[in-house]
Amino acid sequence: MTVNEPDSATEQPPQVTLFTDGACSGNPGPGGWGCILRHPASGSEKELSGGATDTTNNRMELQAVISGLKALTRRSRVEVVTDSRYVADGSSKWMPGWKANGWRRREGKSWKPVKNEELWRELDEQLRRHLVTFTVVRGHTGHPENERCDELAVAAARQQAEARPGDSEE
């Protein structure tokens, strides 16, 4: 799924692959995200992760993509590899309608604010900065980079859970 198209009049930006995943212990609950940025031409790779004490899995899936795209220092062609249909479809199918409707979505006969609007707006800003395509993979099926991103996200969620005052392991 392509979000935007390259401008053929300008030099082609570098190609980067961004693998992402989010995790949440409870929904809502302590959560984490992880991503791997890979520059195939140089073979360089960078892992990033973070989390929040009270969040949802969808928010962490979004944050993984946002953080990966923000880490890029210049405009790039980015293939985002995610197991989140929510992020991929939201970015390529739903976001244009949300924007046209003032960041509102139709629910039955009424209009409701888009859930996680501030993150979708932040992602929209990053999608305008880069040339992004989305590839959806099945989670927890042995995809090496998806599994590594899951490990990063789960570790970050665990750190958030340990940081919560008064919480104990269940």
N, C-alpha and C. Protein backbone atom coordinates (compact mmCIF):
# COMPACT_ATOMS: atom_id res chain seq x y z
N MET A 1 0.84 -1.18 0.00
CA MET A 1 0.00 0.00 0.00
C MET A 1 0.89 1.24 0.00
N THR A 2 0.75 2.07 -0.98
CA THR A 2 1.55 3.29 -1.08
C THR A 2 0.76 4.46 -0.52
N VAL A 3 1.41 5.27 0.30
CA VAL A 3 0.76 6.44 0.87
C VAL A 3 0.98 7.67 0.02
N ASN A 4 2.17 7.83 -0.52
CA ASN A 4 2.45 8.97 -1.39
C ASN A 4 3.42 8.55 -2.48
N GLU A 5 3.50 9.32 -3.52
CA GLU A 5 4.30 8.96 -4.69
C GLU A 5 5.55 9.84 -4.78
N PRO A 6 6.66 9.30 -5.30
CA PRO A 6 7.87 10.11 -5.46
C PRO A 6 7.71 11.17 -6.54
N ASP A 7 8.44 12.25 -6.37
CA ASP A 7 8.47 13.32 -7.36
C ASP A 7 9.62 13.01 -8.32
N SER A 8 9.28 12.65 -9.56
CA SER A 8 10.30 12.21 -10.52
C SER A 8 11.26 13.33 -10.91
N ALA A 9 10.92 14.58 -10.63
CA ALA A 9 11.79 15.70 -11.01
C ALA A 9 12.96 15.85 -10.03
N THR A 10 12.91 15.18 -8.89
CA THR A 10 13.98 15.31 -7.91
C THR A 10 14.76 14.01 -7.78
N GLU A 11 15.92 14.11 -7.18
CA GLU A 11 16.75 12.95 -6.95
C GLU A 11 16.03 11.96 -6.04
N GLN A 12 16.18 10.67 -6.34
CA GLN A 12 15.52 9.65 -5.53
C GLN A 12 16.15 9.59 -4.13
N PRO A 13 15.31 9.66 -3.10
CA PRO A 13 15.83 9.56 -1.73
C PRO A 13 16.28 8.13 -1.42
N PRO A 14 17.05 7.95 -0.37
CA PRO A 14 17.52 6.61 -0.03
C PRO A 14 16.37 5.70 0.39
N GLN A 15 16.56 4.40 0.18
CA GLN A 15 15.57 3.39 0.57
C GLN A 15 15.88 2.92 1.99
N VAL A 16 14.85 2.86 2.82
CA VAL A 16 14.97 2.38 4.20
C VAL A 16 13.83 1.41 4.45
N THR A 17 14.09 0.36 5.21
CA THR A 17 13.03 -0.53 5.67
C THR A 17 12.84 -0.30 7.16
N LEU A 18 11.59 -0.09 7.55
CA LEU A 18 11.24 0.15 8.95
C LEU A 18 10.33 -0.97 9.42
N PHE A 19 10.85 -1.81 10.32
CA PHE A 19 10.07 -2.89 10.92
C PHE A 19 9.53 -2.37 12.24
N THR A 20 8.25 -2.64 12.55
CA THR A 20 7.65 -2.07 13.76
C THR A 20 6.75 -3.07 14.48
N ASP A 21 6.58 -2.83 15.78
CA ASP A 21 5.59 -3.58 16.56
C ASP A 21 5.29 -2.82 17.84
N GLY A 22 4.11 -3.07 18.37
CA GLY A 22 3.68 -2.51 19.63
C GLY A 22 3.19 -3.61 20.53
N ALA A 23 3.21 -3.36 21.84
CA ALA A 23 2.74 -4.35 22.81
C ALA A 23 2.10 -3.62 23.98
N CYS A 24 1.17 -4.30 24.63
CA CYS A 24 0.51 -3.71 25.78
C CYS A 24 0.15 -4.83 26.76
N SER A 25 0.42 -4.60 28.04
CA SER A 25 0.07 -5.56 29.08
C SER A 25 -1.23 -5.07 29.70
N GLY A 26 -2.34 -5.64 29.22
CA GLY A 26 -3.65 -5.08 29.51
C GLY A 26 -3.94 -4.10 28.39
N ASN A 27 -5.17 -3.76 28.20
CA ASN A 27 -5.50 -2.84 27.10
C ASN A 27 -6.69 -2.00 27.53
N PRO A 28 -6.48 -0.88 28.24
CA PRO A 28 -5.19 -0.19 28.43
C PRO A 28 -4.35 -0.80 29.56
N GLY A 29 -3.11 -0.37 29.54
CA GLY A 29 -2.15 -0.80 30.55
C GLY A 29 -0.77 -0.31 30.15
N PRO A 30 0.26 -0.80 30.82
CA PRO A 30 1.62 -0.42 30.43
C PRO A 30 1.94 -1.00 29.06
N GLY A 31 2.53 -0.17 28.21
CA GLY A 31 2.80 -0.61 26.84
C GLY A 31 4.17 -0.23 26.38
N GLY A 32 4.55 -0.85 25.25
CA GLY A 32 5.85 -0.55 24.66
C GLY A 32 5.78 -0.68 23.15
N TRP A 33 6.75 -0.11 22.52
CA TRP A 33 6.89 -0.20 21.06
C TRP A 33 8.35 -0.48 20.74
N GLY A 34 8.57 -1.08 19.59
CA GLY A 34 9.92 -1.33 19.13
C GLY A 34 9.98 -1.20 17.62
N CYS A 35 11.14 -0.79 17.12
CA CYS A 35 11.30 -0.72 15.67
C CYS A 35 12.76 -0.94 15.30
N ILE A 36 12.92 -1.37 14.07
CA ILE A 36 14.25 -1.56 13.49
C ILE A 36 14.28 -0.76 12.20
N LEU A 37 15.25 0.12 12.07
CA LEU A 37 15.50 0.87 10.84
C LEU A 37 16.65 0.19 10.12
N ARG A 38 16.44 -0.17 8.87
CA ARG A 38 17.49 -0.84 8.09
C ARG A 38 17.72 -0.07 6.80
N HIS A 39 18.99 0.26 6.54
CA HIS A 39 19.39 0.92 5.30
C HIS A 39 20.06 -0.14 4.45
N PRO A 40 19.31 -0.74 3.50
CA PRO A 40 19.86 -1.87 2.73
C PRO A 40 21.15 -1.55 1.98
N ALA A 41 21.29 -0.34 1.47
CA ALA A 41 22.48 0.00 0.67
C ALA A 41 23.76 -0.08 1.50
N SER A 42 23.70 0.31 2.76
CA SER A 42 24.90 0.30 3.60
C SER A 42 24.93 -0.90 4.54
N GLY A 43 23.79 -1.54 4.72
CA GLY A 43 23.71 -2.66 5.66
C GLY A 43 23.58 -2.20 7.10
N SER A 44 23.49 -0.89 7.33
CA SER A 44 23.39 -0.40 8.71
C SER A 44 21.99 -0.62 9.25
N GLU A 45 21.93 -0.80 10.57
CA GLU A 45 20.66 -1.08 11.22
C GLU A 45 20.65 -0.40 12.59
N LYS A 46 19.46 0.07 13.00
CA LYS A 46 19.32 0.74 14.28
C LYS A 46 18.04 0.26 14.93
N GLU A 47 18.10 -0.09 16.21
CA GLU A 47 16.93 -0.50 16.97
C GLU A 47 16.53 0.63 17.91
N LEU A 48 15.22 0.86 18.01
CA LEU A 48 14.67 1.88 18.90
C LEU A 48 13.51 1.26 19.67
N SER A 49 13.26 1.76 20.87
CA SER A 49 12.09 1.31 21.62
C SER A 49 11.73 2.35 22.67
N GLY A 50 10.52 2.23 23.17
CA GLY A 50 10.04 3.13 24.21
C GLY A 50 8.69 2.64 24.69
N GLY A 51 8.08 3.39 25.58
CA GLY A 51 6.79 2.94 26.09
C GLY A 51 6.05 4.01 26.84
N ALA A 52 4.92 3.60 27.40
CA ALA A 52 4.06 4.49 28.17
C ALA A 52 3.40 3.67 29.28
N THR A 53 3.15 4.32 30.42
CA THR A 53 2.62 3.59 31.57
C THR A 53 1.14 3.24 31.44
N ASP A 54 0.38 4.03 30.73
CA ASP A 54 -1.06 3.77 30.60
C ASP A 54 -1.46 4.05 29.16
N THR A 55 -1.56 2.99 28.36
CA THR A 55 -1.75 3.16 26.92
C THR A 55 -2.53 1.97 26.37
N THR A 56 -2.63 1.92 25.05
CA THR A 56 -3.28 0.79 24.38
C THR A 56 -2.34 0.21 23.33
N ASN A 57 -2.64 -0.99 22.89
CA ASN A 57 -1.83 -1.62 21.87
C ASN A 57 -1.82 -0.79 20.58
N ASN A 58 -2.99 -0.27 20.17
CA ASN A 58 -3.05 0.53 18.95
C ASN A 58 -2.16 1.76 19.05
N ARG A 59 -2.14 2.40 20.21
CA ARG A 59 -1.29 3.59 20.38
C ARG A 59 0.19 3.21 20.25
N MET A 60 0.56 2.06 20.78
CA MET A 60 1.96 1.63 20.70
C MET A 60 2.33 1.23 19.27
N GLU A 61 1.40 0.63 18.54
CA GLU A 61 1.65 0.31 17.12
C GLU A 61 1.90 1.61 16.34
N LEU A 62 1.07 2.62 16.58
CA LEU A 62 1.25 3.92 15.92
C LEU A 62 2.59 4.56 16.31
N GLN A 63 2.89 4.53 17.61
CA GLN A 63 4.10 5.19 18.10
C GLN A 63 5.35 4.55 17.51
N ALA A 64 5.34 3.25 17.29
CA ALA A 64 6.50 2.58 16.69
C ALA A 64 6.79 3.15 15.30
N VAL A 65 5.76 3.32 14.49
CA VAL A 65 5.95 3.86 13.13
C VAL A 65 6.37 5.32 13.20
N ILE A 66 5.70 6.11 14.02
CA ILE A 66 6.04 7.53 14.16
C ILE A 66 7.50 7.69 14.58
N SER A 67 7.90 6.96 15.61
CA SER A 67 9.27 7.10 16.13
C SER A 67 10.31 6.68 15.10
N GLY A 68 10.03 5.61 14.37
CA GLY A 68 10.96 5.18 13.33
C GLY A 68 11.10 6.22 12.23
N LEU A 69 9.98 6.76 11.77
CA LEU A 69 10.03 7.78 10.71
C LEU A 69 10.71 9.06 11.20
N LYS A 70 10.44 9.44 12.45
CA LYS A 70 11.06 10.65 13.01
C LYS A 70 12.57 10.51 13.14
N ALA A 71 13.05 9.29 13.33
CA ALA A 71 14.49 9.07 13.50
C ALA A 71 15.27 9.28 12.22
N LEU A 72 14.60 9.27 11.08
CA LEU A 72 15.28 9.48 9.80
C LEU A 72 15.63 10.95 9.65
N THR A 73 16.88 11.23 9.34
CA THR A 73 17.35 12.61 9.29
C THR A 73 17.08 13.30 7.96
N ARG A 74 16.72 12.52 6.93
CA ARG A 74 16.37 13.15 5.65
C ARG A 74 15.25 12.37 4.98
N ARG A 75 14.64 13.01 4.02
CA ARG A 75 13.54 12.39 3.27
C ARG A 75 14.00 11.06 2.70
N SER A 76 13.18 10.03 2.90
CA SER A 76 13.56 8.69 2.47
C SER A 76 12.37 7.96 1.85
N ARG A 77 12.68 6.94 1.05
CA ARG A 77 11.66 5.98 0.60
C ARG A 77 11.64 4.91 1.68
N VAL A 78 10.50 4.74 2.32
CA VAL A 78 10.43 3.85 3.47
C VAL A 78 9.38 2.77 3.24
N GLU A 79 9.81 1.54 3.38
CA GLU A 79 8.86 0.44 3.43
C GLU A 79 8.64 0.13 4.90
N VAL A 80 7.42 0.37 5.39
CA VAL A 80 7.07 0.05 6.77
C VAL A 80 6.53 -1.38 6.77
N VAL A 81 7.19 -2.24 7.53
CA VAL A 81 6.76 -3.64 7.67
C VAL A 81 6.15 -3.77 9.06
N THR A 82 4.86 -4.04 9.11
CA THR A 82 4.12 -4.07 10.37
C THR A 82 3.17 -5.25 10.41
N ASP A 83 2.80 -5.66 11.61
CA ASP A 83 1.75 -6.66 11.74
C ASP A 83 0.42 -5.99 12.10
N SER A 84 0.38 -4.67 12.06
CA SER A 84 -0.80 -3.91 12.44
C SER A 84 -1.60 -3.46 11.22
N ARG A 85 -2.67 -4.15 10.94
CA ARG A 85 -3.58 -3.74 9.87
C ARG A 85 -4.18 -2.37 10.22
N TYR A 86 -4.38 -2.11 11.52
CA TYR A 86 -4.91 -0.82 12.00
C TYR A 86 -4.03 0.33 11.49
N VAL A 87 -2.72 0.21 11.64
CA VAL A 87 -1.81 1.28 11.20
C VAL A 87 -1.75 1.35 9.68
N ALA A 88 -1.62 0.21 9.03
CA ALA A 88 -1.49 0.20 7.57
C ALA A 88 -2.76 0.72 6.89
N ASP A 89 -3.91 0.18 7.27
CA ASP A 89 -5.17 0.63 6.66
C ASP A 89 -5.50 2.06 7.07
N GLY A 90 -5.24 2.40 8.32
CA GLY A 90 -5.50 3.77 8.75
C GLY A 90 -4.70 4.78 7.95
N SER A 91 -3.45 4.45 7.67
CA SER A 91 -2.57 5.37 6.94
C SER A 91 -2.94 5.49 5.48
N SER A 92 -3.27 4.36 4.85
CA SER A 92 -3.47 4.37 3.40
C SER A 92 -4.93 4.47 2.97
N LYS A 93 -5.86 4.02 3.81
CA LYS A 93 -7.27 3.99 3.40
C LYS A 93 -8.14 4.98 4.16
N TRP A 94 -7.99 5.02 5.48
CA TRP A 94 -8.93 5.80 6.30
C TRP A 94 -8.54 7.26 6.49
N MET A 95 -7.23 7.52 6.58
CA MET A 95 -6.78 8.88 6.90
C MET A 95 -7.27 9.95 5.92
N PRO A 96 -7.28 9.71 4.61
CA PRO A 96 -7.77 10.77 3.72
C PRO A 96 -9.21 11.19 4.05
N GLY A 97 -10.07 10.24 4.38
CA GLY A 97 -11.44 10.57 4.75
C GLY A 97 -11.51 11.29 6.08
N TRP A 98 -10.72 10.85 7.05
CA TRP A 98 -10.70 11.53 8.35
C TRP A 98 -10.30 12.99 8.18
N LYS A 99 -9.26 13.22 7.39
CA LYS A 99 -8.79 14.59 7.18
C LYS A 99 -9.87 15.43 6.49
N ALA A 100 -10.51 14.85 5.49
CA ALA A 100 -11.56 15.57 4.76
C ALA A 100 -12.74 15.89 5.65
N ASN A 101 -12.96 15.07 6.69
CA ASN A 101 -14.08 15.27 7.61
C ASN A 101 -13.66 15.91 8.93
N GLY A 102 -12.54 16.64 8.92
CA GLY A 102 -12.10 17.34 10.12
C GLY A 102 -11.67 16.40 11.22
N TRP A 103 -11.01 15.28 10.85
CA TRP A 103 -10.54 14.28 11.80
C TRP A 103 -11.70 13.67 12.60
N ARG A 104 -12.79 13.46 11.89
CA ARG A 104 -13.94 12.77 12.48
C ARG A 104 -14.25 11.54 11.64
N ARG A 105 -14.88 10.55 12.30
CA ARG A 105 -15.26 9.31 11.62
C ARG A 105 -16.75 9.08 11.83
N ARG A 106 -17.34 8.45 10.87
CA ARG A 106 -18.77 8.15 10.94
C ARG A 106 -18.97 6.93 11.82
N GLU A 107 -19.85 7.03 12.79
CA GLU A 107 -20.22 5.90 13.64
C GLU A 107 -21.73 5.86 13.69
N GLY A 108 -22.29 4.91 12.94
CA GLY A 108 -23.75 4.88 12.82
C GLY A 108 -24.21 6.11 12.06
N LYS A 109 -25.13 6.84 12.67
CA LYS A 109 -25.64 8.06 12.03
C LYS A 109 -24.97 9.33 12.53
N SER A 110 -23.98 9.17 13.41
CA SER A 110 -23.33 10.37 13.96
C SER A 110 -21.84 10.37 13.63
N TRP A 111 -21.22 11.51 13.89
CA TRP A 111 -19.79 11.69 13.67
C TRP A 111 -19.09 11.70 15.01
N LYS A 112 -17.99 10.97 15.12
CA LYS A 112 -17.20 10.89 16.34
C LYS A 112 -15.77 11.29 16.03
N PRO A 113 -15.07 11.82 17.04
CA PRO A 113 -13.65 12.12 16.83
C PRO A 113 -12.88 10.83 16.52
N VAL A 114 -11.85 10.94 15.70
CA VAL A 114 -10.99 9.81 15.40
C VAL A 114 -10.25 9.43 16.68
N LYS A 115 -10.26 8.15 17.01
CA LYS A 115 -9.52 7.68 18.18
C LYS A 115 -8.03 7.84 17.92
N ASN A 116 -7.30 8.26 18.93
CA ASN A 116 -5.84 8.48 18.84
C ASN A 116 -5.49 9.58 17.84
N GLU A 117 -6.36 10.57 17.74
CA GLU A 117 -6.20 11.62 16.74
C GLU A 117 -4.82 12.28 16.77
N GLU A 118 -4.30 12.57 17.96
CA GLU A 118 -3.01 13.27 18.03
C GLU A 118 -1.90 12.42 17.43
N LEU A 119 -1.97 11.10 17.60
CA LEU A 119 -0.96 10.23 17.00
C LEU A 119 -1.15 10.12 15.49
N TRP A 120 -2.39 10.04 15.05
CA TRP A 120 -2.65 10.00 13.60
C TRP A 120 -2.16 11.28 12.93
N ARG A 121 -2.37 12.42 13.58
CA ARG A 121 -1.88 13.70 13.02
C ARG A 121 -0.35 13.70 12.94
N GLU A 122 0.29 13.18 13.99
CA GLU A 122 1.75 13.12 14.00
C GLU A 122 2.25 12.16 12.91
N LEU A 123 1.56 11.04 12.75
CA LEU A 123 1.93 10.11 11.67
C LEU A 123 1.72 10.75 10.31
N ASP A 124 0.61 11.47 10.14
CA ASP A 124 0.34 12.16 8.89
C ASP A 124 1.48 13.11 8.53
N GLU A 125 1.98 13.82 9.52
CA GLU A 125 3.11 14.75 9.29
C GLU A 125 4.34 13.97 8.79
N GLN A 126 4.61 12.82 9.39
CA GLN A 126 5.76 12.01 8.96
C GLN A 126 5.53 11.40 7.59
N LEU A 127 4.30 11.01 7.28
CA LEU A 127 4.00 10.44 5.96
C LEU A 127 4.19 11.48 4.85
N ARG A 128 3.96 12.74 5.17
CA ARG A 128 4.20 13.81 4.19
C ARG A 128 5.69 14.06 3.99
N ARG A 129 6.49 13.77 5.00
CA ARG A 129 7.94 13.96 4.95
C ARG A 129 8.64 12.90 4.12
N HIS A 130 8.10 11.70 4.10
CA HIS A 130 8.75 10.56 3.47
C HIS A 130 7.86 9.96 2.39
N LEU A 131 8.42 9.08 1.58
CA LEU A 131 7.68 8.32 0.57
C LEU A 131 7.47 6.93 1.16
N VAL A 132 6.27 6.66 1.64
CA VAL A 132 6.04 5.49 2.48
C VAL A 132 5.12 4.48 1.81
N THR A 133 5.50 3.21 1.91
CA THR A 133 4.62 2.09 1.56
C THR A 133 4.51 1.20 2.79
N PHE A 134 3.40 0.48 2.88
CA PHE A 134 3.17 -0.42 4.00
C PHE A 134 3.09 -1.85 3.51
N THR A 135 3.76 -2.73 4.22
CA THR A 135 3.66 -4.17 4.01
C THR A 135 3.19 -4.77 5.33
N VAL A 136 2.09 -5.52 5.28
CA VAL A 136 1.56 -6.14 6.48
C VAL A 136 2.00 -7.60 6.51
N VAL A 137 2.59 -7.99 7.64
CA VAL A 137 2.99 -9.38 7.86
C VAL A 137 2.15 -9.93 9.01
N ARG A 138 2.04 -11.24 9.06
CA ARG A 138 1.35 -11.87 10.19
C ARG A 138 2.28 -11.85 11.40
N GLY A 139 1.75 -11.39 12.53
CA GLY A 139 2.54 -11.34 13.75
C GLY A 139 2.74 -12.72 14.36
N HIS A 140 3.84 -12.88 15.06
CA HIS A 140 4.13 -14.10 15.83
C HIS A 140 4.13 -15.36 14.96
N THR A 141 4.68 -15.20 13.74
CA THR A 141 4.76 -16.36 12.83
C THR A 141 6.20 -16.64 12.41
N GLY A 142 7.16 -16.14 13.18
CA GLY A 142 8.55 -16.44 12.88
C GLY A 142 9.25 -15.44 11.98
N HIS A 143 8.59 -14.34 11.61
CA HIS A 143 9.26 -13.30 10.82
C HIS A 143 10.34 -12.69 11.72
N PRO A 144 11.63 -12.84 11.39
CA PRO A 144 12.70 -12.47 12.32
C PRO A 144 12.64 -11.02 12.82
N GLU A 145 12.43 -10.09 11.92
CA GLU A 145 12.41 -8.68 12.34
C GLU A 145 11.15 -8.36 13.14
N ASN A 146 10.03 -8.95 12.77
CA ASN A 146 8.80 -8.73 13.52
C ASN A 146 8.95 -9.32 14.93
N GLU A 147 9.57 -10.47 15.03
CA GLU A 147 9.80 -11.08 16.35
C GLU A 147 10.73 -10.22 17.19
N ARG A 148 11.78 -9.66 16.57
CA ARG A 148 12.70 -8.80 17.32
C ARG A 148 12.00 -7.53 17.78
N CYS A 149 11.19 -6.93 16.92
CA CYS A 149 10.44 -5.73 17.32
C CYS A 149 9.49 -6.06 18.46
N ASP A 150 8.88 -7.24 18.43
CA ASP A 150 8.01 -7.67 19.52
C ASP A 150 8.80 -7.78 20.81
N GLU A 151 10.00 -8.36 20.75
CA GLU A 151 10.85 -8.46 21.94
C GLU A 151 11.16 -7.07 22.51
N LEU A 152 11.50 -6.13 21.64
CA LEU A 152 11.78 -4.77 22.08
C LEU A 152 10.55 -4.13 22.73
N ALA A 153 9.39 -4.32 22.09
CA ALA A 153 8.15 -3.73 22.60
C ALA A 153 7.74 -4.34 23.94
N VAL A 154 7.85 -5.65 24.05
CA VAL A 154 7.48 -6.33 25.31
C VAL A 154 8.43 -5.91 26.43
N ALA A 155 9.71 -5.80 26.13
CA ALA A 155 10.68 -5.35 27.15
C ALA A 155 10.37 -3.93 27.61
N ALA A 156 10.03 -3.06 26.66
CA ALA A 156 9.69 -1.67 27.01
C ALA A 156 8.39 -1.64 27.84
N ALA A 157 7.43 -2.48 27.49
CA ALA A 157 6.17 -2.54 28.27
C ALA A 157 6.46 -3.03 29.69
N ARG A 158 7.34 -4.02 29.80
CA ARG A 158 7.70 -4.55 31.12
C ARG A 158 8.35 -3.46 31.96
N GLN A 159 9.23 -2.66 31.35
CA GLN A 159 9.86 -1.55 32.08
C GLN A 159 8.81 -0.56 32.57
N GLN A 160 7.81 -0.29 31.72
CA GLN A 160 6.74 0.63 32.11
C GLN A 160 5.93 0.06 33.28
N ALA A 161 5.66 -1.24 33.23
CA ALA A 161 4.90 -1.89 34.31
C ALA A 161 5.66 -1.82 35.62
N GLU A 162 6.98 -2.01 35.56
CA GLU A 162 7.80 -1.95 36.76
C GLU A 162 7.89 -0.55 37.32
N ALA A 163 7.71 0.45 36.46
CA ALA A 163 7.80 1.85 36.88
C ALA A 163 6.51 2.37 37.49
N ARG A 164 5.41 1.62 37.34
CA ARG A 164 4.11 2.07 37.86
C ARG A 164 4.06 1.87 39.36
N PRO A 165 3.84 2.95 40.10
CA PRO A 165 3.77 2.81 41.56
C PRO A 165 2.52 2.03 41.98
N GLY A 166 2.71 1.11 42.94
CA GLY A 166 1.58 0.39 43.50
C GLY A 166 1.12 -0.80 42.69
N ASP A 167 1.69 -1.04 41.52
CA ASP A 167 1.30 -2.18 40.72
C ASP A 167 2.12 -3.40 41.11
N SER A 168 1.55 -4.55 41.00
CA SER A 168 2.28 -5.78 41.26
C SER A 168 2.03 -6.76 40.13
N GLU A 169 2.90 -7.74 40.02
CA GLU A 169 2.75 -8.77 38.98
C GLU A 169 1.49 -9.57 39.26
N GLU A 170 0.79 -9.94 38.21
CA GLU A 170 -0.41 -10.76 38.36
C GLU A 170 -0.06 -12.20 38.15
